[in-house]
C-alpha cells in the first residue's frame, strides 16, 4: 500500500474498520481510529464527519501518543 497523506478525504480511504472509545458519549463527540491495511499505520477521524479528512499516523507515533496518555502526559487538557 502506498503511504497515505494527512488529511485524506474519507471516501478516498480503503475500506477500514473504525473503532471509537467505549468512553465516547451518545452525542458523538469522539474520534475514531482504524488500522490501515498491512499494518501500515493508523487513521484518525472525527466520528461526526466520517467523510471528512482523516489524519494518518505511523504505528510508532500512535504508540507514543497512547503511552503518553496512559502516563498522564495530557491530563492537564481535560478538566
N, C-alpha and C. Protein backbone atom coordinates (compact mmCIF):
# COMPACT_ATOMS: atom_id res chain seq x y z
N UNK A 1 0.83 -1.17 0.00
CA UNK A 1 0.00 0.00 0.00
C UNK A 1 0.88 1.24 0.00
N UNK A 2 0.54 2.21 -0.83
CA UNK A 2 1.26 3.49 -0.86
C UNK A 2 0.95 4.27 0.41
N UNK A 3 1.93 5.03 0.93
CA UNK A 3 1.62 5.85 2.10
C UNK A 3 0.51 6.85 1.78
N UNK A 4 -0.39 7.03 2.73
CA UNK A 4 -1.49 7.98 2.55
C UNK A 4 -1.09 9.33 3.13
N UNK A 5 -1.53 10.42 2.49
CA UNK A 5 -1.22 11.75 3.03
C UNK A 5 -2.13 12.08 4.20
N UNK A 6 -1.68 13.00 5.04
CA UNK A 6 -2.56 13.50 6.11
C UNK A 6 -3.67 14.31 5.49
N UNK A 7 -4.84 14.25 6.12
CA UNK A 7 -5.98 14.99 5.61
C UNK A 7 -6.65 14.32 4.43
N UNK A 8 -6.42 13.02 4.25
CA UNK A 8 -7.05 12.31 3.13
C UNK A 8 -8.56 12.26 3.35
N UNK A 9 -9.35 12.63 2.33
CA UNK A 9 -10.82 12.57 2.49
C UNK A 9 -11.29 11.14 2.74
N UNK A 10 -12.30 11.00 3.58
CA UNK A 10 -12.84 9.69 3.91
C UNK A 10 -13.13 8.80 2.71
N UNK A 11 -13.79 9.33 1.67
CA UNK A 11 -14.11 8.48 0.53
C UNK A 11 -12.88 7.95 -0.22
N UNK A 12 -11.72 8.55 -0.02
CA UNK A 12 -10.51 8.10 -0.72
C UNK A 12 -9.75 7.04 0.07
N UNK A 13 -10.19 6.75 1.29
CA UNK A 13 -9.55 5.71 2.10
C UNK A 13 -10.02 4.34 1.65
N UNK A 14 -9.17 3.32 1.82
CA UNK A 14 -9.64 1.97 1.57
C UNK A 14 -10.69 1.61 2.63
N UNK A 15 -11.46 0.56 2.45
CA UNK A 15 -12.42 0.16 3.49
C UNK A 15 -11.67 -0.14 4.80
N UNK A 16 -12.10 0.47 5.87
CA UNK A 16 -11.45 0.31 7.17
C UNK A 16 -12.48 -0.05 8.22
N UNK A 17 -12.02 -0.68 9.30
CA UNK A 17 -12.87 -0.99 10.44
C UNK A 17 -12.60 0.06 11.51
N UNK A 18 -13.48 1.04 11.62
CA UNK A 18 -13.31 2.14 12.56
C UNK A 18 -13.75 1.73 13.95
N UNK A 19 -13.05 2.26 14.95
CA UNK A 19 -13.36 1.95 16.34
C UNK A 19 -13.29 3.24 17.15
N UNK A 20 -14.26 3.41 18.05
CA UNK A 20 -14.18 4.55 18.97
C UNK A 20 -14.13 4.02 20.39
N UNK A 21 -13.75 4.89 21.28
CA UNK A 21 -13.60 4.52 22.68
C UNK A 21 -14.93 4.12 23.30
N UNK A 22 -14.86 3.18 24.21
CA UNK A 22 -16.05 2.84 24.99
C UNK A 22 -16.50 4.01 25.84
N UNK A 23 -15.63 4.98 26.06
CA UNK A 23 -15.96 6.15 26.85
C UNK A 23 -16.62 7.25 26.03
N UNK A 24 -16.79 7.03 24.74
CA UNK A 24 -17.44 8.05 23.91
C UNK A 24 -18.87 8.24 24.38
N UNK A 25 -19.39 9.44 24.14
CA UNK A 25 -20.73 9.73 24.65
C UNK A 25 -21.77 9.68 23.53
N UNK A 26 -23.05 9.64 23.87
CA UNK A 26 -24.10 9.50 22.87
C UNK A 26 -24.20 10.68 21.90
N UNK A 27 -23.64 11.84 22.25
CA UNK A 27 -23.74 12.98 21.35
C UNK A 27 -22.73 12.90 20.22
N UNK A 28 -21.88 11.89 20.23
CA UNK A 28 -20.95 11.68 19.13
C UNK A 28 -19.70 12.52 19.18
N UNK A 29 -19.37 13.05 20.35
CA UNK A 29 -18.16 13.86 20.48
C UNK A 29 -16.95 12.96 20.72
N UNK A 30 -16.49 12.33 19.66
CA UNK A 30 -15.37 11.43 19.83
C UNK A 30 -14.61 11.29 18.52
N UNK A 31 -13.46 10.68 18.63
CA UNK A 31 -12.68 10.36 17.45
C UNK A 31 -12.74 8.86 17.25
N UNK A 32 -12.47 8.44 16.03
CA UNK A 32 -12.42 7.02 15.70
C UNK A 32 -11.04 6.73 15.13
N UNK A 33 -10.56 5.53 15.38
CA UNK A 33 -9.28 5.09 14.85
C UNK A 33 -9.49 3.82 14.05
N UNK A 34 -8.64 3.63 13.05
CA UNK A 34 -8.68 2.42 12.25
C UNK A 34 -7.28 2.04 11.83
N UNK A 35 -6.97 0.76 11.91
CA UNK A 35 -5.69 0.27 11.42
C UNK A 35 -5.72 0.26 9.90
N UNK A 36 -4.65 0.76 9.28
CA UNK A 36 -4.56 0.74 7.83
C UNK A 36 -4.17 -0.65 7.35
N UNK A 37 -4.49 -0.99 6.11
CA UNK A 37 -4.15 -2.31 5.59
C UNK A 37 -2.66 -2.61 5.76
N UNK A 38 -2.36 -3.85 6.00
CA UNK A 38 -0.98 -4.33 6.17
C UNK A 38 -0.26 -3.69 7.34
N UNK A 39 -1.01 -3.14 8.30
CA UNK A 39 -0.38 -2.53 9.46
C UNK A 39 0.45 -1.31 9.13
N UNK A 40 0.13 -0.63 8.03
CA UNK A 40 0.92 0.50 7.54
C UNK A 40 0.77 1.74 8.40
N UNK A 41 -0.11 1.75 9.37
CA UNK A 41 -0.32 2.92 10.21
C UNK A 41 -1.72 2.93 10.75
N UNK A 42 -2.12 4.09 11.24
CA UNK A 42 -3.43 4.26 11.86
C UNK A 42 -4.06 5.54 11.34
N UNK A 43 -5.33 5.46 10.97
CA UNK A 43 -6.09 6.63 10.55
C UNK A 43 -6.94 7.10 11.72
N UNK A 44 -7.09 8.42 11.86
CA UNK A 44 -7.88 9.03 12.93
C UNK A 44 -8.85 10.01 12.29
N UNK A 45 -10.12 9.93 12.67
CA UNK A 45 -11.12 10.85 12.11
C UNK A 45 -12.10 11.29 13.18
N UNK A 46 -12.82 12.35 12.89
CA UNK A 46 -13.89 12.86 13.73
C UNK A 46 -15.12 11.99 13.47
N UNK A 47 -15.67 11.39 14.50
CA UNK A 47 -16.80 10.47 14.30
C UNK A 47 -18.04 11.16 13.74
N UNK A 48 -18.16 12.47 13.97
CA UNK A 48 -19.32 13.21 13.44
C UNK A 48 -19.19 13.53 11.96
N UNK A 49 -17.99 13.36 11.41
CA UNK A 49 -17.75 13.68 10.00
C UNK A 49 -17.00 12.52 9.33
N UNK A 50 -17.65 11.39 9.16
CA UNK A 50 -16.96 10.22 8.62
C UNK A 50 -16.41 10.40 7.20
N UNK A 51 -16.98 11.31 6.43
CA UNK A 51 -16.45 11.56 5.09
C UNK A 51 -15.42 12.68 5.07
N UNK A 52 -15.20 13.28 6.24
CA UNK A 52 -14.22 14.35 6.34
C UNK A 52 -12.80 13.80 6.31
N UNK A 53 -11.83 14.66 6.50
CA UNK A 53 -10.44 14.22 6.41
C UNK A 53 -10.03 13.33 7.58
N UNK A 54 -9.12 12.44 7.29
CA UNK A 54 -8.54 11.58 8.32
C UNK A 54 -7.05 11.89 8.42
N UNK A 55 -6.55 11.92 9.63
CA UNK A 55 -5.12 12.08 9.85
C UNK A 55 -4.49 10.70 9.88
N UNK A 56 -3.33 10.58 9.27
CA UNK A 56 -2.64 9.30 9.17
C UNK A 56 -1.38 9.34 10.02
N UNK A 57 -1.23 8.36 10.89
CA UNK A 57 -0.07 8.27 11.77
C UNK A 57 0.61 6.92 11.61
N UNK A 58 1.92 6.89 11.87
CA UNK A 58 2.63 5.62 11.90
C UNK A 58 2.26 4.89 13.19
N UNK A 59 2.56 3.62 13.23
CA UNK A 59 2.30 2.84 14.44
C UNK A 59 3.14 3.41 15.59
N UNK A 60 4.37 3.81 15.32
CA UNK A 60 5.22 4.36 16.37
C UNK A 60 4.66 5.68 16.91
N UNK A 61 4.11 6.51 16.05
CA UNK A 61 3.51 7.78 16.50
C UNK A 61 2.30 7.52 17.40
N UNK A 62 1.44 6.59 16.99
CA UNK A 62 0.26 6.27 17.80
C UNK A 62 0.70 5.65 19.14
N UNK A 63 1.70 4.79 19.10
CA UNK A 63 2.19 4.17 20.34
C UNK A 63 2.70 5.25 21.30
N UNK A 64 3.46 6.22 20.80
CA UNK A 64 3.98 7.29 21.65
C UNK A 64 2.83 8.09 22.26
N UNK A 65 1.81 8.38 21.47
CA UNK A 65 0.66 9.13 21.99
C UNK A 65 -0.07 8.32 23.06
N UNK A 66 -0.41 7.08 22.75
CA UNK A 66 -1.17 6.27 23.70
C UNK A 66 -0.40 6.03 25.00
N UNK A 67 0.89 5.77 24.89
CA UNK A 67 1.68 5.57 26.10
C UNK A 67 1.78 6.85 26.91
N UNK A 68 1.89 7.99 26.22
CA UNK A 68 1.90 9.27 26.92
C UNK A 68 0.57 9.52 27.62
N UNK A 69 -0.53 9.18 26.95
CA UNK A 69 -1.85 9.36 27.56
C UNK A 69 -1.99 8.46 28.79
N UNK A 70 -1.51 7.23 28.69
CA UNK A 70 -1.57 6.32 29.84
C UNK A 70 -0.74 6.84 31.00
N UNK A 71 0.37 7.53 30.69
CA UNK A 71 1.24 8.08 31.74
C UNK A 71 0.71 9.39 32.32
N UNK A 72 -0.38 9.92 31.74
CA UNK A 72 -0.96 11.16 32.26
C UNK A 72 -0.39 12.42 31.65
N UNK A 73 0.40 12.29 30.56
CA UNK A 73 1.03 13.46 29.94
C UNK A 73 0.03 14.53 29.49
N UNK A 74 -1.20 14.16 29.22
CA UNK A 74 -2.17 15.10 28.68
C UNK A 74 -3.33 15.39 29.65
N UNK A 75 -3.18 14.96 30.89
CA UNK A 75 -4.26 15.15 31.85
C UNK A 75 -4.61 16.62 32.05
N UNK A 76 -3.67 17.51 31.84
CA UNK A 76 -3.94 18.94 32.02
C UNK A 76 -4.89 19.49 30.95
N UNK A 77 -5.14 18.73 29.89
CA UNK A 77 -6.02 19.19 28.81
C UNK A 77 -7.49 18.93 29.10
N UNK A 78 -7.77 18.10 30.10
CA UNK A 78 -9.18 17.84 30.45
C UNK A 78 -9.40 18.33 31.87
N UNK A 79 -10.61 18.75 32.11
CA UNK A 79 -10.90 19.30 33.45
C UNK A 79 -11.95 18.47 34.12
